[in-house]
Amino acid sequence: MEKTFAVIGLGMFGRKICQVLMEKGGEVIAIDNRPEQVNKIRDSVTQAILLDATDEDSIREAPFDQVDAAIVAIGDNIEASILTTNLLKQTGVPHIVARAVNKTHFQVLRQIGANEIINIEEEEGRRIALSLISPMVMEKVALSKNIFLAEMYLPEGLENSTVASLDLINRFSLRLSAVRRTVSTLDAEGTAVRSENLLFPEPGEKLIDGDVLIMIGTEENLQAFQKSMD
């Protein structure tokens, strides 16, 4: 059964959410109080509505009874973001995701009942800082408060090591869940073709230069592994 989402705020962030939800098979109701933003996306979503989401009467007239989740993507107007989230909560939208731009905004959204809160600026700052201090780490995703899934380039000097010889569980309490490996071959015309494979290696699998290790563990243990390679 297809889910229906309402996206309120059609700036770059909101439009990207609409695009991905539509690509994944969702029904999307896109909402903004600016005609030019509504017109930009009208042909790309299920329904585009010109509406002031901070107005209680307008919210009541909108088809939020059809919505499984609403995403408040307003980022440049904190007051509008808070008012919209509060009205959606009163309307009975079952799941509300809201964008916060600072800690105070985050706390207010939490207090008025947003189910999920995204602080894009904070997450982006964290990502940049991590990439600077840990250049081997390509990506890090929080699986819980303390556990992360991290993609990390195979450290220099570990080429031709076996998975077993790394002894990640015993030495660092890290679990190697997969290895991403890029392989170059030649096609019929002699042109190099690169393909990417995801391996679930056995203990005897030898690692090669360019491999990306996909590991699960705490941030402290991931850092300990990186430091051991310095």
Protein backbone atom coordinates (compact mmCIF):
# COMPACT_ATOMS: atom_id res chain seq x y z
CA MET A 1 0.00 0.00 0.00
CA GLU A 2 1.42 3.37 -1.02
CA LYS A 3 2.05 5.91 1.72
CA THR A 4 1.10 9.55 1.40
CA PHE A 5 3.43 12.30 2.57
CA ALA A 6 2.95 16.02 2.96
CA VAL A 7 6.05 18.17 2.48
CA ILE A 8 5.67 21.73 3.77
CA GLY A 9 8.32 24.16 2.57
CA LEU A 10 9.58 23.79 -0.98
CA GLY A 11 13.06 25.21 -0.83
CA MET A 12 15.97 23.09 -2.05
CA PHE A 13 15.69 20.75 0.95
CA GLY A 14 11.94 20.27 0.62
CA ARG A 15 12.08 19.73 -3.15
CA LYS A 16 14.76 17.06 -2.74
CA ILE A 17 12.57 15.24 -0.20
CA CYS A 18 9.66 15.36 -2.63
CA GLN A 19 11.84 13.99 -5.42
CA VAL A 20 13.14 11.05 -3.39
CA LEU A 21 9.71 10.16 -1.96
CA MET A 22 8.21 10.13 -5.46
CA GLU A 23 11.10 8.02 -6.80
CA LYS A 24 10.50 5.51 -4.00
CA GLY A 25 6.83 5.16 -4.87
CA GLY A 26 5.25 7.50 -2.34
CA GLU A 27 2.33 9.85 -2.92
CA VAL A 28 3.48 13.41 -2.23
CA ILE A 29 1.44 16.50 -1.39
CA ALA A 30 3.79 19.47 -1.75
CA ILE A 31 2.83 22.65 0.11
CA ASP A 32 4.23 26.19 0.17
CA ASN A 33 2.91 29.74 0.53
CA ARG A 34 5.02 30.98 -2.40
CA PRO A 35 3.45 30.52 -5.86
CA GLU A 36 6.82 30.30 -7.62
CA GLN A 37 7.91 27.39 -5.42
CA VAL A 38 4.63 25.53 -5.94
CA ASN A 39 4.87 26.01 -9.70
CA LYS A 40 8.43 24.65 -9.77
CA ILE A 41 7.32 21.28 -8.47
CA ARG A 42 3.71 21.03 -9.66
CA ASP A 43 4.46 18.50 -12.42
CA SER A 44 6.75 16.35 -10.27
CA VAL A 45 4.47 15.45 -7.35
CA THR A 46 1.04 13.95 -6.76
CA GLN A 47 -0.47 17.26 -5.70
CA ALA A 48 0.95 20.77 -5.21
CA ILE A 49 -0.93 23.20 -3.00
CA LEU A 50 -0.48 26.95 -2.44
CA LEU A 51 -1.23 27.29 1.25
CA ASP A 52 -0.15 29.18 4.36
CA ALA A 53 0.66 26.34 6.77
CA THR A 54 0.75 28.75 9.72
CA ASP A 55 -2.94 29.56 9.30
CA GLU A 56 -5.22 27.29 11.31
CA ASP A 57 -8.19 27.52 8.93
CA SER A 58 -6.00 26.71 5.91
CA ILE A 59 -4.51 23.70 7.66
CA ARG A 60 -7.97 22.36 8.48
CA GLU A 61 -9.06 22.65 4.85
CA ALA A 62 -5.98 20.83 3.49
CA PRO A 63 -6.13 17.04 2.97
CA PHE A 64 -4.02 16.11 5.99
CA ASP A 65 -6.48 13.34 6.90
CA GLN A 66 -4.98 11.40 3.95
CA VAL A 67 -1.40 11.82 5.14
CA ASP A 68 0.71 9.13 6.78
CA ALA A 69 3.54 11.52 7.63
CA ALA A 70 4.31 15.21 7.24
CA ILE A 71 7.73 16.75 6.75
CA VAL A 72 8.11 20.36 7.86
CA ALA A 73 11.01 21.43 5.65
CA ILE A 74 10.79 25.13 6.52
CA GLY A 75 14.25 26.29 7.50
CA ASP A 76 14.48 30.05 7.06
CA ASN A 77 11.52 31.00 9.27
CA ILE A 78 11.69 29.43 12.72
CA GLU A 79 8.35 30.88 13.83
CA ALA A 80 6.57 29.44 10.79
CA SER A 81 8.24 26.07 11.36
CA ILE A 82 7.05 25.93 14.98
CA LEU A 83 3.52 27.12 14.20
CA THR A 84 3.18 24.63 11.34
CA THR A 85 4.43 21.73 13.43
CA ASN A 86 2.06 22.62 16.26
CA LEU A 87 -0.95 22.88 13.93
CA LEU A 88 -0.13 19.57 12.26
CA LYS A 89 0.04 17.95 15.69
CA GLN A 90 -3.35 19.38 16.61
CA THR A 91 -4.78 18.19 13.29
CA GLY A 92 -3.78 14.62 14.15
CA VAL A 93 -1.08 13.90 11.57
CA PRO A 94 0.31 10.57 12.83
CA HIS A 95 4.02 11.25 12.21
CA ILE A 96 5.75 14.62 11.93
CA VAL A 97 9.34 15.16 10.83
CA ALA A 98 10.62 18.70 11.29
CA ARG A 99 13.79 20.53 10.31
CA ALA A 100 15.62 22.47 13.03
CA VAL A 101 18.27 25.11 12.42
CA ASN A 102 19.63 25.43 15.97
CA LYS A 103 19.40 23.83 19.41
CA THR A 104 16.66 26.11 20.71
CA HIS A 105 14.57 25.40 17.61
CA PHE A 106 15.22 21.67 18.13
CA GLN A 107 14.06 21.81 21.77
CA VAL A 108 10.86 23.71 20.95
CA LEU A 109 9.97 21.29 18.15
CA ARG A 110 10.52 18.39 20.54
CA GLN A 111 8.31 20.00 23.19
CA ILE A 112 5.40 20.56 20.82
CA GLY A 113 5.43 16.96 19.65
CA ALA A 114 7.54 16.50 16.50
CA ASN A 115 8.30 12.78 16.20
CA GLU A 116 11.62 13.26 14.41
CA ILE A 117 13.82 16.34 14.17
CA ILE A 118 16.59 16.87 11.65
CA ASN A 119 19.29 19.46 12.29
CA ILE A 120 20.89 19.69 8.84
CA GLU A 121 23.38 22.38 9.75
CA GLU A 122 24.63 20.48 12.80
CA GLU A 123 24.85 17.17 10.94
CA GLU A 124 26.69 18.77 8.03
CA GLY A 125 29.11 20.47 10.41
CA ARG A 126 29.71 17.18 12.17
CA ARG A 127 30.27 15.40 8.86
CA ILE A 128 32.83 17.97 7.72
CA ALA A 129 34.67 17.90 11.05
CA LEU A 130 34.81 14.09 11.00
CA SER A 131 36.10 14.06 7.43
CA LEU A 132 38.89 16.46 8.41
CA ILE A 133 39.94 14.63 11.54
CA SER A 134 39.37 11.14 10.10
CA PRO A 135 40.12 11.33 6.36
CA MET A 136 40.05 7.53 6.02
CA VAL A 137 36.34 7.53 6.94
CA MET A 138 34.14 8.01 3.88
CA GLU A 139 30.75 7.95 5.58
CA LYS A 140 29.38 7.35 9.06
CA VAL A 141 25.74 6.57 9.87
CA ALA A 142 24.32 6.34 13.40
CA LEU A 143 22.49 3.06 13.97
CA SER A 144 21.73 3.96 17.58
CA LYS A 145 22.93 6.50 20.12
CA ASN A 146 26.36 4.87 20.44
CA ILE A 147 26.69 2.47 17.48
CA PHE A 148 27.74 3.58 14.00
CA LEU A 149 28.10 2.00 10.59
CA ALA A 150 31.23 3.44 8.97
CA GLU A 151 32.75 3.13 5.52
CA MET A 152 36.54 3.34 5.76
CA TYR A 153 39.28 2.99 3.19
CA LEU A 154 41.58 0.04 3.81
CA PRO A 155 44.51 1.62 5.70
CA GLU A 156 47.87 1.69 3.98
CA GLY A 157 49.99 -1.30 4.90
CA LEU A 158 47.09 -3.75 5.24
CA GLU A 159 47.04 -4.77 1.59
CA ASN A 160 47.09 -8.60 1.25
CA SER A 161 46.08 -9.02 4.90
CA THR A 162 43.34 -11.53 5.50
CA VAL A 163 40.12 -10.61 7.28
CA ALA A 164 41.05 -13.01 10.08
CA SER A 165 44.46 -11.40 10.61
CA LEU A 166 42.86 -8.02 11.33
CA ASP A 167 41.15 -9.62 14.36
CA LEU A 168 38.78 -6.65 14.53
CA ILE A 169 36.39 -8.19 17.06
CA ASN A 170 38.99 -9.05 19.66
CA ARG A 171 41.30 -6.05 19.16
CA PHE A 172 38.79 -3.25 18.60
CA SER A 173 35.28 -4.66 19.22
CA LEU A 174 34.44 -3.85 15.61
CA ARG A 175 32.46 -6.03 13.25
CA LEU A 176 33.37 -6.11 9.56
CA SER A 177 29.99 -6.48 7.89
CA ALA A 178 31.10 -6.13 4.25
CA VAL A 179 33.82 -4.95 1.86
CA ARG A 180 33.18 -2.71 -1.13
CA ARG A 181 35.63 -3.43 -3.92
CA THR A 182 36.10 -1.72 -7.28
CA VAL A 183 37.30 -3.95 -10.10
CA SER A 184 38.59 -2.77 -13.49
CA THR A 185 38.14 -4.92 -16.59
CA LEU A 186 38.39 -4.36 -20.36
CA ASP A 187 35.36 -4.52 -22.62
CA ALA A 188 35.36 -5.95 -26.16
CA GLU A 189 36.80 -2.71 -27.53
CA GLY A 190 39.59 -2.58 -24.99
CA THR A 191 38.04 0.22 -22.95
CA ALA A 192 38.52 0.06 -19.19
CA VAL A 193 35.28 -0.60 -17.34
CA ARG A 194 35.02 -0.15 -13.58
CA SER A 195 32.49 -2.12 -11.58
CA GLU A 196 31.77 -2.07 -7.88
CA ASN A 197 31.13 -5.27 -5.92
CA LEU A 198 29.90 -5.75 -2.37
CA LEU A 199 31.62 -8.70 -0.70
CA PHE A 200 30.73 -10.54 2.48
CA PRO A 201 34.21 -11.90 3.09
CA GLU A 202 35.20 -15.16 4.71
CA PRO A 203 38.01 -15.08 7.32
CA GLY A 204 40.56 -16.12 4.68
CA GLU A 205 39.64 -13.39 2.18
CA LYS A 206 42.63 -11.22 1.26
CA LEU A 207 42.07 -7.47 1.23
CA ILE A 208 43.44 -5.39 -1.63
CA ASP A 209 44.40 -1.77 -2.16
CA GLY A 210 41.29 0.37 -2.70
CA ASP A 211 38.96 -1.82 -0.66
CA VAL A 212 36.41 -0.01 1.48
CA LEU A 213 35.72 -1.63 4.85
CA ILE A 214 32.13 -1.40 6.07
CA MET A 215 32.30 -1.76 9.85
CA ILE A 216 29.96 -1.50 12.82
CA GLY A 217 31.01 -0.30 16.26
CA THR A 218 31.20 2.63 18.65
CA GLU A 219 32.83 5.89 17.61
CA GLU A 220 35.55 5.31 20.21
CA ASN A 221 36.39 1.89 18.79
CA LEU A 222 36.40 3.18 15.23
CA GLN A 223 38.81 5.93 16.27
CA ALA A 224 41.00 3.41 18.11
CA PHE A 225 41.30 1.37 14.91
CA GLN A 226 42.26 4.47 12.91
CA LYS A 227 44.87 5.54 15.48
CA SER A 228 46.42 2.07 15.43
CA MET A 229 47.18 2.67 11.73
CA ASP A 230 49.00 5.99 12.29
